[in-house]
Amino acid sequence: MLQSHSNCEYFNLMMEQPEISMYYNRFKSFNSFINSIMTQNNRPLSPHIQVYKLPLTGIISITHRITGVVLALGLMVYVYSFYSILQGNEDYLALQSVLNNTLLSIVVWFFIYALFFHLCHGIRHLIWDAGSGFEKEMMDRNAVIELTASFVLTLIFY
């Protein structure tokens, strides 16, 4: 028959085992070490998103990931448009009427921008792979060029 123990009794039973008590003591000393560091400077160990201002290259990197997701979703819509063409004239006209919506025109514009932004950022990565462009001033300048080029390409091709 199983015996019922309270949490405190169970903890004391577990601490009697040398392997567990050794790890628990290490954990206690690590926690006291972390607490002493945090109280010593009266600030957190690392900056968090509310106090840390991301550099331009960090924002560009996050935007590159977001545009990758947008491109994946847009590809599904693109494939569906081919499917509607194969289904016949009625389905294609229905798709055209949906895509002529103003809100969806903005979404299509953003998709085209995401495509060119992703392309320009890929070129930037190729330059990095060649081993150049890692100086801070050069990285910031290339980020601005990347944003400008993707916007201009979107305007040209939309």
Protein backbone atom coordinates (compact mmCIF):
# COMPACT_ATOMS: atom_id res chain seq x y z
CA MET A 1 0.00 0.00 0.00
CA LEU A 2 1.30 3.46 -0.86
CA GLN A 3 1.91 5.87 1.93
CA SER A 4 0.67 9.41 1.64
CA HIS A 5 3.25 12.10 2.38
CA SER A 6 2.87 15.84 2.49
CA ASN A 7 5.03 17.93 0.16
CA CYS A 8 7.38 18.89 2.96
CA GLU A 9 7.88 15.26 4.05
CA TYR A 10 8.47 14.22 0.45
CA PHE A 11 11.06 16.98 0.03
CA ASN A 12 12.87 15.85 3.19
CA LEU A 13 12.85 12.23 1.99
CA MET A 14 14.30 13.30 -1.36
CA MET A 15 17.03 15.36 0.32
CA GLU A 16 18.23 12.26 2.15
CA GLN A 17 19.47 10.87 -1.18
CA PRO A 18 23.01 12.21 -1.76
CA GLU A 19 22.69 12.64 -5.53
CA ILE A 20 19.60 14.80 -5.26
CA SER A 21 20.85 16.88 -2.35
CA MET A 22 24.11 17.59 -4.21
CA TYR A 23 22.21 18.99 -7.23
CA TYR A 24 19.85 20.93 -5.01
CA ASN A 25 22.77 22.57 -3.17
CA ARG A 26 24.38 23.51 -6.49
CA PHE A 27 21.10 25.01 -7.62
CA LYS A 28 20.77 27.00 -4.39
CA SER A 29 24.30 28.39 -4.73
CA PHE A 30 23.71 29.29 -8.40
CA ASN A 31 20.49 31.12 -7.49
CA SER A 32 22.24 33.07 -4.76
CA PHE A 33 25.02 33.94 -7.24
CA ILE A 34 22.49 35.27 -9.80
CA ASN A 35 20.59 37.19 -7.13
CA SER A 36 23.81 38.79 -5.87
CA ILE A 37 24.70 39.97 -9.38
CA MET A 38 21.24 41.39 -9.97
CA THR A 39 21.10 43.23 -6.65
CA GLN A 40 24.71 44.41 -6.90
CA ASN A 41 24.07 46.61 -9.94
CA ASN A 42 20.34 47.03 -9.31
CA ARG A 43 19.55 46.21 -12.94
CA PRO A 44 18.73 43.14 -15.02
CA LEU A 45 21.46 40.90 -16.38
CA SER A 46 20.64 41.52 -20.02
CA PRO A 47 18.56 44.12 -21.83
CA HIS A 48 15.06 43.21 -22.82
CA ILE A 49 12.97 44.41 -25.72
CA GLN A 50 11.42 47.31 -23.79
CA VAL A 51 14.73 48.99 -23.04
CA TYR A 52 16.94 47.76 -25.85
CA LYS A 53 16.84 49.66 -29.13
CA LEU A 54 17.49 47.27 -31.99
CA PRO A 55 20.05 48.41 -34.54
CA LEU A 56 18.91 48.89 -38.12
CA THR A 57 20.47 45.60 -39.17
CA GLY A 58 18.48 43.80 -36.45
CA ILE A 59 15.23 45.33 -37.67
CA ILE A 60 16.15 44.38 -41.24
CA SER A 61 16.86 40.80 -40.14
CA ILE A 62 13.47 40.48 -38.42
CA THR A 63 11.77 42.03 -41.45
CA HIS A 64 13.53 39.51 -43.68
CA ARG A 65 12.02 36.67 -41.66
CA ILE A 66 8.55 38.24 -41.76
CA THR A 67 8.74 38.73 -45.53
CA GLY A 68 9.73 35.08 -45.88
CA VAL A 69 6.48 34.08 -44.16
CA VAL A 70 4.53 36.54 -46.33
CA LEU A 71 6.10 35.03 -49.45
CA ALA A 72 5.14 31.51 -48.34
CA LEU A 73 1.53 32.58 -47.78
CA GLY A 74 1.48 34.51 -51.05
CA LEU A 75 2.77 31.47 -52.89
CA MET A 76 -0.27 29.54 -51.72
CA VAL A 77 -2.56 32.24 -53.13
CA TYR A 78 -0.56 32.22 -56.35
CA VAL A 79 -0.95 28.45 -56.70
CA TYR A 80 -4.67 28.77 -55.95
CA SER A 81 -4.98 31.32 -58.77
CA PHE A 82 -3.58 28.72 -61.18
CA TYR A 83 -6.05 26.21 -59.80
CA SER A 84 -8.93 28.63 -60.41
CA ILE A 85 -7.75 29.12 -64.00
CA LEU A 86 -7.82 25.35 -64.50
CA GLN A 87 -11.33 25.15 -63.06
CA GLY A 88 -12.75 27.37 -65.77
CA ASN A 89 -13.89 30.85 -66.58
CA GLU A 90 -16.40 31.20 -63.73
CA ASP A 91 -13.91 30.41 -60.97
CA TYR A 92 -11.31 32.69 -62.52
CA LEU A 93 -13.78 35.59 -62.74
CA ALA A 94 -14.75 35.02 -59.10
CA LEU A 95 -11.07 35.16 -58.11
CA GLN A 96 -10.59 38.35 -60.15
CA SER A 97 -13.53 40.01 -58.42
CA VAL A 98 -12.05 39.16 -55.02
CA LEU A 99 -8.58 40.41 -56.01
CA ASN A 100 -10.00 43.73 -57.28
CA ASN A 101 -10.84 44.65 -53.69
CA THR A 102 -8.88 47.71 -52.45
CA LEU A 103 -7.72 45.97 -49.29
CA LEU A 104 -6.44 43.01 -51.25
CA SER A 105 -4.66 45.35 -53.66
CA ILE A 106 -2.68 46.63 -50.67
CA VAL A 107 -1.94 43.02 -49.67
CA VAL A 108 -0.72 42.27 -53.22
CA TRP A 109 1.44 45.42 -53.10
CA PHE A 110 2.94 44.23 -49.80
CA PHE A 111 3.55 40.79 -51.31
CA ILE A 112 5.45 42.35 -54.22
CA TYR A 113 7.42 44.51 -51.77
CA ALA A 114 8.21 41.38 -49.70
CA LEU A 115 9.45 39.66 -52.84
CA PHE A 116 11.85 42.48 -53.74
CA PHE A 117 12.91 43.04 -50.13
CA HIS A 118 13.73 39.35 -49.83
CA LEU A 119 15.68 39.53 -53.10
CA CYS A 120 17.68 42.59 -52.02
CA HIS A 121 18.41 41.06 -48.62
CA GLY A 122 19.57 37.87 -50.33
CA ILE A 123 22.00 39.92 -52.42
CA ARG A 124 23.23 41.54 -49.22
CA HIS A 125 23.87 38.09 -47.75
CA LEU A 126 25.82 37.12 -50.86
CA ILE A 127 28.02 40.18 -50.30
CA TRP A 128 28.51 39.09 -46.69
CA ASP A 129 29.35 35.56 -47.85
CA ALA A 130 32.09 37.08 -50.00
CA GLY A 131 33.56 38.47 -46.77
CA SER A 132 32.90 42.19 -47.13
CA GLY A 133 30.47 44.72 -45.74
CA PHE A 134 30.84 43.92 -42.04
CA GLU A 135 31.87 47.40 -40.87
CA LYS A 136 29.10 49.15 -38.90
CA GLU A 137 28.90 52.16 -41.22
CA MET A 138 28.85 49.87 -44.27
CA MET A 139 26.14 47.66 -42.74
CA ASP A 140 23.89 50.63 -41.98
CA ARG A 141 24.48 52.14 -45.42
CA ASN A 142 23.74 48.83 -47.14
CA ALA A 143 20.56 48.43 -45.08
CA VAL A 144 19.30 51.82 -46.28
CA ILE A 145 20.25 50.93 -49.87
CA GLU A 146 18.41 47.62 -49.48
CA LEU A 147 15.24 49.30 -48.23
CA THR A 148 15.37 51.94 -50.95
CA ALA A 149 16.06 49.46 -53.74
CA SER A 150 13.22 47.16 -52.68
CA PHE A 151 10.78 50.08 -52.52
CA VAL A 152 11.87 51.43 -55.92
CA LEU A 153 11.65 47.97 -57.52
CA THR A 154 8.15 47.57 -56.07
CA LEU A 155 7.06 50.89 -57.56
CA ILE A 156 8.53 49.98 -60.95
CA PHE A 157 6.94 46.54 -61.17
CA TYR A 158 3.58 47.22 -59.54
